[in-house]
């Protein structure tokens, strides 16, 4: 259930025009200081995860690894996406709260 709320929030942010998706757009948003949150898919390549981890650490942008490429793309109405950036701080805060409160299944 929590999974659906997170993805629904991302879909809502997309409809509001507050999402950058795909590696190039997310990288541009982070470097431009526009990204309030970056989410990388769990099934993204290790190289992609490492690159984004380093970049978000440098630019002090929160980073979460969550969902699959299919989930991230589908929730924003596009094909699979390895990463998305939430551009609006209010949406980012809401999504981060949901990500932090999700139950751990490990």
C-alpha atoms as a PDB file:
ATOM      1  CA  UNK A   1       0.000   0.000   0.000  1.00  0.00           C
ATOM      2  CA  UNK A   2       2.811   2.415   0.880  1.00  0.00           C
ATOM      3  CA  UNK A   3       4.362   1.564  -2.480  1.00  0.00           C
ATOM      4  CA  UNK A   4       1.263   2.861  -4.277  1.00  0.00           C
ATOM      5  CA  UNK A   5       1.256   6.119  -2.292  1.00  0.00           C
ATOM      6  CA  UNK A   6       4.857   6.893  -3.219  1.00  0.00           C
ATOM      7  CA  UNK A   7       4.287   6.180  -6.900  1.00  0.00           C
ATOM      8  CA  UNK A   8       0.985   8.096  -6.844  1.00  0.00           C
ATOM      9  CA  UNK A   9       2.750  11.109  -5.352  1.00  0.00           C
ATOM     10  CA  UNK A  10       5.322  10.968  -8.144  1.00  0.00           C
ATOM     11  CA  UNK A  11       2.503  10.789 -10.701  1.00  0.00           C
ATOM     12  CA  UNK A  12       0.847  13.816  -9.139  1.00  0.00           C
ATOM     13  CA  UNK A  13       4.146  15.709  -9.225  1.00  0.00           C
ATOM     14  CA  UNK A  14       4.494  14.802 -12.920  1.00  0.00           C
ATOM     15  CA  UNK A  15       1.035  16.197 -13.665  1.00  0.00           C
ATOM     16  CA  UNK A  16       2.036  19.404 -11.875  1.00  0.00           C
ATOM     17  CA  UNK A  17       5.157  19.632 -14.044  1.00  0.00           C
ATOM     18  CA  UNK A  18       7.518  19.057 -11.125  1.00  0.00           C
ATOM     19  CA  UNK A  19       9.393  15.979 -12.396  1.00  0.00           C
ATOM     20  CA  UNK A  20      12.523  15.621 -14.497  1.00  0.00           C
ATOM     21  CA  UNK A  21      12.998  12.070 -15.754  1.00  0.00           C
ATOM     22  CA  UNK A  22      15.832  10.255 -17.452  1.00  0.00           C
ATOM     23  CA  UNK A  23      19.544  10.480 -16.825  1.00  0.00           C
ATOM     24  CA  UNK A  24      20.238  13.630 -18.853  1.00  0.00           C
ATOM     25  CA  UNK A  25      17.309  15.662 -17.475  1.00  0.00           C
ATOM     26  CA  UNK A  26      17.983  14.615 -13.874  1.00  0.00           C
ATOM     27  CA  UNK A  27      21.689  15.415 -14.191  1.00  0.00           C
ATOM     28  CA  UNK A  28      20.851  18.849 -15.605  1.00  0.00           C
ATOM     29  CA  UNK A  29      18.346  19.509 -12.778  1.00  0.00           C
ATOM     30  CA  UNK A  30      20.820  18.492 -10.070  1.00  0.00           C
ATOM     31  CA  UNK A  31      23.678  20.557 -11.515  1.00  0.00           C
ATOM     32  CA  UNK A  32      21.345  23.520 -11.991  1.00  0.00           C
ATOM     33  CA  UNK A  33      20.202  23.371  -8.365  1.00  0.00           C
ATOM     34  CA  UNK A  34      16.592  22.645  -9.366  1.00  0.00           C
ATOM     35  CA  UNK A  35      16.286  19.098  -7.993  1.00  0.00           C
ATOM     36  CA  UNK A  36      14.917  18.753  -4.456  1.00  0.00           C
ATOM     37  CA  UNK A  37      15.013  14.945  -4.517  1.00  0.00           C
ATOM     38  CA  UNK A  38      16.451  12.251  -6.802  1.00  0.00           C
ATOM     39  CA  UNK A  39      15.109   8.696  -6.966  1.00  0.00           C
ATOM     40  CA  UNK A  40      17.135   6.021  -8.777  1.00  0.00           C
ATOM     41  CA  UNK A  41      15.563   2.670  -9.684  1.00  0.00           C
ATOM     42  CA  UNK A  42      16.780  -0.392  -7.787  1.00  0.00           C
ATOM     43  CA  UNK A  43      17.440  -2.183 -11.067  1.00  0.00           C
ATOM     44  CA  UNK A  44      19.518   0.671 -12.539  1.00  0.00           C
ATOM     45  CA  UNK A  45      23.128  -0.228 -13.303  1.00  0.00           C
ATOM     46  CA  UNK A  46      25.690   0.000 -10.515  1.00  0.00           C
ATOM     47  CA  UNK A  47      27.562   2.601 -12.552  1.00  0.00           C
ATOM     48  CA  UNK A  48      24.438   4.787 -12.785  1.00  0.00           C
ATOM     49  CA  UNK A  49      23.784   4.476  -9.048  1.00  0.00           C
ATOM     50  CA  UNK A  50      27.390   5.348  -8.204  1.00  0.00           C
ATOM     51  CA  UNK A  51      27.416   8.331 -10.581  1.00  0.00           C
ATOM     52  CA  UNK A  52      24.204   9.743  -9.101  1.00  0.00           C
ATOM     53  CA  UNK A  53      25.320   9.038  -5.529  1.00  0.00           C
ATOM     54  CA  UNK A  54      28.507  11.032  -6.108  1.00  0.00           C
ATOM     55  CA  UNK A  55      26.710  13.857  -7.922  1.00  0.00           C
ATOM     56  CA  UNK A  56      23.906  14.236  -5.364  1.00  0.00           C
ATOM     57  CA  UNK A  57      26.435  14.164  -2.512  1.00  0.00           C
ATOM     58  CA  UNK A  58      28.437  16.945  -4.175  1.00  0.00           C
ATOM     59  CA  UNK A  59      25.356  19.093  -4.844  1.00  0.00           C
ATOM     60  CA  UNK A  60      23.766  18.163  -1.471  1.00  0.00           C
ATOM     61  CA  UNK A  61      20.591  16.729  -2.987  1.00  0.00           C
ATOM     62  CA  UNK A  62      18.735  13.885  -1.223  1.00  0.00           C
ATOM     63  CA  UNK A  63      18.980  10.544  -3.060  1.00  0.00           C
ATOM     64  CA  UNK A  64      16.866   7.417  -2.630  1.00  0.00           C
ATOM     65  CA  UNK A  65      17.074   4.073  -4.414  1.00  0.00           C
ATOM     66  CA  UNK A  66      13.500   2.887  -4.862  1.00  0.00           C
ATOM     67  CA  UNK A  67      11.277   0.882  -7.196  1.00  0.00           C
ATOM     68  CA  UNK A  68      12.036  -0.565 -10.593  1.00  0.00           C
ATOM     69  CA  UNK A  69      12.651   1.246 -13.870  1.00  0.00           C
ATOM     70  CA  UNK A  70       9.212   0.068 -14.958  1.00  0.00           C
ATOM     71  CA  UNK A  71       7.549   1.436 -11.783  1.00  0.00           C
ATOM     72  CA  UNK A  72       9.224   4.838 -12.066  1.00  0.00           C
ATOM     73  CA  UNK A  73       8.355   5.211 -15.731  1.00  0.00           C
ATOM     74  CA  UNK A  74       4.811   3.916 -15.414  1.00  0.00           C
ATOM     75  CA  UNK A  75       3.892   6.179 -12.475  1.00  0.00           C
ATOM     76  CA  UNK A  76       4.799   9.297 -14.494  1.00  0.00           C
ATOM     77  CA  UNK A  77       3.106   8.073 -17.666  1.00  0.00           C
ATOM     78  CA  UNK A  78       6.245   7.255 -19.637  1.00  0.00           C
ATOM     79  CA  UNK A  79       8.279   4.214 -20.599  1.00  0.00           C
ATOM     80  CA  UNK A  80      10.834   2.862 -18.146  1.00  0.00           C
ATOM     81  CA  UNK A  81      13.040   5.431 -16.422  1.00  0.00           C
ATOM     82  CA  UNK A  82      16.170   4.681 -14.417  1.00  0.00           C
ATOM     83  CA  UNK A  83      15.805   7.887 -12.387  1.00  0.00           C
ATOM     84  CA  UNK A  84      13.527  10.817 -11.659  1.00  0.00           C
ATOM     85  CA  UNK A  85      14.084  14.143  -9.934  1.00  0.00           C
ATOM     86  CA  UNK A  86      11.373  15.979  -8.002  1.00  0.00           C
ATOM     87  CA  UNK A  87      11.796  19.690  -8.681  1.00  0.00           C
ATOM     88  CA  UNK A  88       9.312  21.209  -6.251  1.00  0.00           C
ATOM     89  CA  UNK A  89      10.355  21.203  -2.561  1.00  0.00           C
ATOM     90  CA  UNK A  90       6.827  20.537  -1.245  1.00  0.00           C
ATOM     91  CA  UNK A  91       6.380  17.413  -3.356  1.00  0.00           C
ATOM     92  CA  UNK A  92       9.926  16.310  -2.515  1.00  0.00           C
ATOM     93  CA  UNK A  93       9.291  16.648   1.224  1.00  0.00           C
ATOM     94  CA  UNK A  94       6.083  14.617   0.946  1.00  0.00           C
ATOM     95  CA  UNK A  95       7.736  11.831  -1.062  1.00  0.00           C
ATOM     96  CA  UNK A  96      10.781  11.729   1.251  1.00  0.00           C
ATOM     97  CA  UNK A  97       8.492  11.406   4.275  1.00  0.00           C
ATOM     98  CA  UNK A  98       6.751   8.441   2.640  1.00  0.00           C
ATOM     99  CA  UNK A  99      10.090   6.866   1.647  1.00  0.00           C
ATOM    100  CA  UNK A 100      11.449   7.265   5.186  1.00  0.00           C
ATOM    101  CA  UNK A 101       8.323   5.734   6.726  1.00  0.00           C
ATOM    102  CA  UNK A 102       8.082   2.703   4.431  1.00  0.00           C
ATOM    103  CA  UNK A 103       8.317  -0.655   6.171  1.00  0.00           C
ATOM    104  CA  UNK A 104      11.576  -2.525   5.765  1.00  0.00           C
ATOM    105  CA  UNK A 105      11.181  -6.031   4.364  1.00  0.00           C
ATOM    106  CA  UNK A 106      14.817  -7.076   4.601  1.00  0.00           C
END
